[in-house]
Amino acid sequence: MGGESDHTRLDLDAIRSMGSGLSGIKKAFEGLESLTHKYDEDFGHGDLSAKFNDFADNWKLSRDRLKGEVDTLAQIAKAAAKAYEDIDHQLAEAIRGAQDPKKVK
């Protein structure tokens, strides 16, 4: 079996970009202010304000959990891009060394 289907191809720029994009999403979540008690007067009715504050508290907890998960994915993507790049450089050096043993570092 020959041909390109036997080769693994990775788009390192896309992987790096994904890591950066996920870091941007985490920063966006961090920049969201707390909604708790911000609109108490606007709701007027105490029960409605309390329900909104419950929602805001739950959203903050969910947002904090999402920030952690997104950050983990961002770090994995960045580490993967670096690892693939390092492997690619090592393979290139090995190939160069096999072609001309005097040039091996």
N, C-alpha and C. Protein backbone atom coordinates (compact mmCIF):
# COMPACT_ATOMS: atom_id res chain seq x y z
N MET A 1 0.84 -1.18 0.00
CA MET A 1 0.00 0.00 0.00
C MET A 1 0.88 1.24 0.00
N GLY A 2 0.88 1.95 -1.05
CA GLY A 2 1.67 3.16 -1.12
C GLY A 2 0.77 4.38 -1.20
N GLY A 3 1.41 5.48 -1.37
CA GLY A 3 0.63 6.71 -1.54
C GLY A 3 0.55 7.52 -0.27
N GLU A 4 -0.11 8.62 -0.39
CA GLU A 4 -0.20 9.57 0.73
C GLU A 4 -1.05 9.06 1.88
N SER A 5 -1.92 8.10 1.65
CA SER A 5 -2.78 7.62 2.73
C SER A 5 -1.98 6.94 3.83
N ASP A 6 -0.73 6.55 3.56
CA ASP A 6 0.12 5.92 4.56
C ASP A 6 0.82 6.93 5.46
N HIS A 7 0.69 8.19 5.14
CA HIS A 7 1.40 9.23 5.89
C HIS A 7 0.42 10.02 6.75
N THR A 8 0.89 10.35 7.94
CA THR A 8 0.09 11.18 8.82
C THR A 8 0.44 12.63 8.55
N ARG A 9 -0.57 13.44 8.33
CA ARG A 9 -0.35 14.86 8.10
C ARG A 9 -1.11 15.64 9.16
N LEU A 10 -0.43 16.58 9.75
CA LEU A 10 -1.04 17.40 10.79
C LEU A 10 -0.89 18.86 10.40
N ASP A 11 -1.91 19.62 10.65
CA ASP A 11 -1.84 21.05 10.42
C ASP A 11 -1.48 21.72 11.75
N LEU A 12 -0.16 21.88 11.95
CA LEU A 12 0.31 22.42 13.23
C LEU A 12 -0.19 23.83 13.47
N ASP A 13 -0.33 24.61 12.40
CA ASP A 13 -0.86 25.96 12.57
C ASP A 13 -2.30 25.91 13.09
N ALA A 14 -3.07 24.97 12.58
CA ALA A 14 -4.46 24.84 13.04
C ALA A 14 -4.52 24.40 14.51
N ILE A 15 -3.62 23.49 14.88
CA ILE A 15 -3.60 23.03 16.27
C ILE A 15 -3.18 24.17 17.19
N ARG A 16 -2.13 24.92 16.79
CA ARG A 16 -1.69 26.07 17.59
C ARG A 16 -2.80 27.11 17.68
N SER A 17 -3.45 27.36 16.55
CA SER A 17 -4.54 28.34 16.51
C SER A 17 -5.69 27.92 17.42
N MET A 18 -5.98 26.63 17.45
CA MET A 18 -7.03 26.13 18.34
C MET A 18 -6.66 26.41 19.80
N GLY A 19 -5.39 26.17 20.15
CA GLY A 19 -4.95 26.44 21.52
C GLY A 19 -5.09 27.91 21.87
N SER A 20 -4.70 28.78 20.95
CA SER A 20 -4.83 30.23 21.19
C SER A 20 -6.29 30.65 21.27
N GLY A 21 -7.10 30.11 20.39
CA GLY A 21 -8.53 30.44 20.39
C GLY A 21 -9.21 30.03 21.69
N LEU A 22 -8.86 28.83 22.17
CA LEU A 22 -9.43 28.37 23.44
C LEU A 22 -8.97 29.24 24.61
N SER A 23 -7.72 29.69 24.55
CA SER A 23 -7.24 30.61 25.60
C SER A 23 -8.03 31.91 25.56
N GLY A 24 -8.37 32.37 24.36
CA GLY A 24 -9.19 33.58 24.22
C GLY A 24 -10.58 33.40 24.79
N ILE A 25 -11.15 32.23 24.60
CA ILE A 25 -12.47 31.94 25.16
C ILE A 25 -12.41 31.97 26.69
N LYS A 26 -11.36 31.38 27.24
CA LYS A 26 -11.20 31.40 28.70
C LYS A 26 -11.12 32.84 29.21
N LYS A 27 -10.35 33.67 28.53
CA LYS A 27 -10.24 35.08 28.94
C LYS A 27 -11.58 35.79 28.85
N ALA A 28 -12.36 35.45 27.83
CA ALA A 28 -13.69 36.07 27.69
C ALA A 28 -14.58 35.68 28.88
N PHE A 29 -14.52 34.42 29.29
CA PHE A 29 -15.30 33.99 30.45
C PHE A 29 -14.83 34.71 31.71
N GLU A 30 -13.52 34.91 31.83
CA GLU A 30 -12.99 35.61 33.00
C GLU A 30 -13.44 37.06 33.04
N GLY A 31 -13.65 37.65 31.87
CA GLY A 31 -14.04 39.05 31.79
C GLY A 31 -15.51 39.30 32.06
N LEU A 32 -16.30 38.25 32.13
CA LEU A 32 -17.73 38.43 32.40
C LEU A 32 -17.92 38.76 33.88
N GLU A 33 -18.62 39.82 34.14
CA GLU A 33 -18.85 40.21 35.52
C GLU A 33 -19.97 39.39 36.14
N SER A 34 -19.98 39.38 37.45
CA SER A 34 -21.03 38.68 38.17
C SER A 34 -22.35 39.42 38.01
N LEU A 35 -23.39 38.67 37.76
CA LEU A 35 -24.72 39.27 37.61
C LEU A 35 -25.51 39.29 38.91
N THR A 36 -25.00 38.58 39.92
CA THR A 36 -25.73 38.47 41.18
C THR A 36 -25.97 39.84 41.79
N HIS A 37 -27.19 40.12 42.10
CA HIS A 37 -27.68 41.34 42.75
C HIS A 37 -27.51 42.60 41.89
N LYS A 38 -27.06 42.45 40.68
CA LYS A 38 -26.85 43.62 39.83
C LYS A 38 -28.18 44.25 39.39
N TYR A 39 -29.21 43.41 39.24
CA TYR A 39 -30.49 43.91 38.71
C TYR A 39 -31.63 43.81 39.71
N ASP A 40 -31.31 43.73 40.99
CA ASP A 40 -32.35 43.57 42.02
C ASP A 40 -33.45 44.63 41.90
N GLU A 41 -33.07 45.86 41.75
CA GLU A 41 -34.07 46.94 41.68
C GLU A 41 -34.87 46.88 40.39
N ASP A 42 -34.24 46.44 39.32
CA ASP A 42 -34.94 46.37 38.03
C ASP A 42 -36.07 45.34 38.04
N PHE A 43 -35.88 44.24 38.78
CA PHE A 43 -36.92 43.23 38.82
C PHE A 43 -38.11 43.64 39.68
N GLY A 44 -37.84 44.42 40.69
CA GLY A 44 -38.94 44.90 41.53
C GLY A 44 -39.46 43.83 42.47
N HIS A 45 -40.02 42.80 41.94
CA HIS A 45 -40.60 41.73 42.74
C HIS A 45 -39.48 40.88 43.35
N GLY A 46 -39.53 40.68 44.65
CA GLY A 46 -38.48 39.96 45.37
C GLY A 46 -38.25 38.54 44.90
N ASP A 47 -39.35 37.80 44.62
CA ASP A 47 -39.20 36.42 44.17
C ASP A 47 -38.50 36.34 42.81
N LEU A 48 -38.86 37.26 41.92
CA LEU A 48 -38.24 37.27 40.58
C LEU A 48 -36.75 37.60 40.71
N SER A 49 -36.43 38.55 41.54
CA SER A 49 -35.03 38.92 41.77
C SER A 49 -34.26 37.74 42.37
N ALA A 50 -34.88 37.03 43.32
CA ALA A 50 -34.22 35.87 43.94
C ALA A 50 -33.97 34.77 42.92
N LYS A 51 -34.95 34.52 42.04
CA LYS A 51 -34.79 33.50 40.99
C LYS A 51 -33.65 33.88 40.05
N PHE A 52 -33.58 35.16 39.68
CA PHE A 52 -32.50 35.60 38.80
C PHE A 52 -31.15 35.44 39.49
N ASN A 53 -31.09 35.77 40.78
CA ASN A 53 -29.83 35.63 41.51
C ASN A 53 -29.41 34.17 41.62
N ASP A 54 -30.38 33.26 41.77
CA ASP A 54 -30.07 31.82 41.75
C ASP A 54 -29.46 31.44 40.40
N PHE A 55 -30.09 31.92 39.33
CA PHE A 55 -29.57 31.65 37.98
C PHE A 55 -28.16 32.21 37.84
N ALA A 56 -27.94 33.44 38.30
CA ALA A 56 -26.63 34.07 38.17
C ALA A 56 -25.56 33.29 38.95
N ASP A 57 -25.92 32.81 40.14
CA ASP A 57 -24.98 32.01 40.93
C ASP A 57 -24.64 30.70 40.21
N ASN A 58 -25.68 30.04 39.67
CA ASN A 58 -25.46 28.79 38.93
C ASN A 58 -24.61 29.03 37.68
N TRP A 59 -24.88 30.12 36.98
CA TRP A 59 -24.11 30.46 35.78
C TRP A 59 -22.65 30.70 36.15
N LYS A 60 -22.39 31.36 37.27
CA LYS A 60 -21.01 31.61 37.69
C LYS A 60 -20.29 30.29 37.96
N LEU A 61 -20.94 29.37 38.65
CA LEU A 61 -20.33 28.07 38.92
C LEU A 61 -20.06 27.31 37.63
N SER A 62 -21.04 27.34 36.72
CA SER A 62 -20.87 26.66 35.43
C SER A 62 -19.76 27.32 34.61
N ARG A 63 -19.74 28.63 34.63
CA ARG A 63 -18.72 29.38 33.89
C ARG A 63 -17.33 29.06 34.44
N ASP A 64 -17.19 28.99 35.75
CA ASP A 64 -15.91 28.66 36.36
C ASP A 64 -15.46 27.25 35.94
N ARG A 65 -16.39 26.30 35.93
CA ARG A 65 -16.07 24.94 35.50
C ARG A 65 -15.66 24.92 34.03
N LEU A 66 -16.40 25.66 33.19
CA LEU A 66 -16.06 25.74 31.77
C LEU A 66 -14.69 26.37 31.55
N LYS A 67 -14.38 27.40 32.32
CA LYS A 67 -13.06 28.04 32.20
C LYS A 67 -11.96 27.02 32.43
N GLY A 68 -12.12 26.19 33.45
CA GLY A 68 -11.12 25.17 33.74
C GLY A 68 -10.99 24.16 32.62
N GLU A 69 -12.12 23.72 32.10
CA GLU A 69 -12.10 22.72 31.02
C GLU A 69 -11.53 23.30 29.73
N VAL A 70 -11.90 24.53 29.41
CA VAL A 70 -11.39 25.18 28.20
C VAL A 70 -9.89 25.41 28.33
N ASP A 71 -9.44 25.82 29.52
CA ASP A 71 -8.02 26.04 29.73
C ASP A 71 -7.24 24.73 29.55
N THR A 72 -7.77 23.64 30.07
CA THR A 72 -7.13 22.33 29.91
C THR A 72 -7.00 21.97 28.43
N LEU A 73 -8.09 22.16 27.68
CA LEU A 73 -8.04 21.86 26.24
C LEU A 73 -7.05 22.75 25.51
N ALA A 74 -6.98 24.02 25.89
CA ALA A 74 -6.02 24.94 25.27
C ALA A 74 -4.60 24.47 25.52
N GLN A 75 -4.30 24.09 26.75
CA GLN A 75 -2.95 23.62 27.07
C GLN A 75 -2.61 22.32 26.33
N ILE A 76 -3.58 21.43 26.20
CA ILE A 76 -3.36 20.18 25.46
C ILE A 76 -3.06 20.48 23.99
N ALA A 77 -3.82 21.37 23.38
CA ALA A 77 -3.60 21.71 21.97
C ALA A 77 -2.23 22.34 21.78
N LYS A 78 -1.85 23.25 22.65
CA LYS A 78 -0.53 23.89 22.53
C LYS A 78 0.60 22.88 22.73
N ALA A 79 0.45 22.01 23.71
CA ALA A 79 1.47 20.98 23.96
C ALA A 79 1.55 20.00 22.80
N ALA A 80 0.41 19.65 22.23
CA ALA A 80 0.40 18.73 21.09
C ALA A 80 1.13 19.33 19.90
N ALA A 81 0.86 20.59 19.60
CA ALA A 81 1.53 21.25 18.48
C ALA A 81 3.04 21.26 18.71
N LYS A 82 3.47 21.58 19.93
CA LYS A 82 4.90 21.61 20.24
C LYS A 82 5.50 20.22 20.11
N ALA A 83 4.83 19.21 20.64
CA ALA A 83 5.34 17.84 20.57
C ALA A 83 5.46 17.37 19.12
N TYR A 84 4.43 17.62 18.32
CA TYR A 84 4.49 17.21 16.90
C TYR A 84 5.61 17.94 16.17
N GLU A 85 5.79 19.21 16.49
CA GLU A 85 6.86 19.98 15.86
C GLU A 85 8.23 19.44 16.27
N ASP A 86 8.39 19.12 17.55
CA ASP A 86 9.67 18.55 18.02
C ASP A 86 9.95 17.21 17.35
N ILE A 87 8.95 16.37 17.25
CA ILE A 87 9.11 15.07 16.59
C ILE A 87 9.49 15.26 15.12
N ASP A 88 8.84 16.19 14.46
CA ASP A 88 9.14 16.47 13.06
C ASP A 88 10.60 16.90 12.89
N HIS A 89 11.08 17.77 13.77
CA HIS A 89 12.48 18.22 13.70
C HIS A 89 13.44 17.06 13.98
N GLN A 90 13.11 16.22 14.95
CA GLN A 90 13.96 15.07 15.27
C GLN A 90 14.02 14.10 14.10
N LEU A 91 12.88 13.85 13.47
CA LEU A 91 12.87 12.96 12.30
C LEU A 91 13.68 13.54 11.15
N ALA A 92 13.54 14.85 10.94
CA ALA A 92 14.31 15.49 9.87
C ALA A 92 15.81 15.37 10.14
N GLU A 93 16.21 15.57 11.39
CA GLU A 93 17.63 15.42 11.74
C GLU A 93 18.10 13.98 11.53
N ALA A 94 17.28 13.02 11.91
CA ALA A 94 17.64 11.62 11.73
C ALA A 94 17.80 11.28 10.25
N ILE A 95 16.91 11.80 9.42
CA ILE A 95 17.00 11.55 7.98
C ILE A 95 18.26 12.19 7.42
N ARG A 96 18.53 13.43 7.83
CA ARG A 96 19.75 14.10 7.36
C ARG A 96 20.99 13.32 7.80
N GLY A 97 20.97 12.81 9.05
CA GLY A 97 22.10 12.04 9.56
C GLY A 97 22.28 10.74 8.82
N ALA A 98 21.19 10.11 8.44
CA ALA A 98 21.27 8.85 7.69
C ALA A 98 21.83 9.09 6.29
N GLN A 99 21.55 10.25 5.73
CA GLN A 99 22.02 10.58 4.39
C GLN A 99 23.50 11.00 4.43
N ASP A 100 23.93 11.66 5.50
CA ASP A 100 25.31 12.12 5.62
C ASP A 100 25.71 12.06 7.09
N PRO A 101 26.25 10.93 7.54
CA PRO A 101 26.59 10.75 8.96
C PRO A 101 27.53 11.82 9.51
N LYS A 102 28.30 12.51 8.70
CA LYS A 102 29.22 13.54 9.18
C LYS A 102 28.48 14.78 9.67
N LYS A 103 27.23 14.99 9.23
CA LYS A 103 26.47 16.19 9.59
C LYS A 103 25.64 16.02 10.86
N VAL A 104 25.63 14.86 11.48
CA VAL A 104 24.84 14.62 12.68
C VAL A 104 25.46 15.42 13.84
N LYS A 105 24.60 16.09 14.60
CA LYS A 105 25.07 16.90 15.75
C LYS A 105 25.31 16.03 16.93
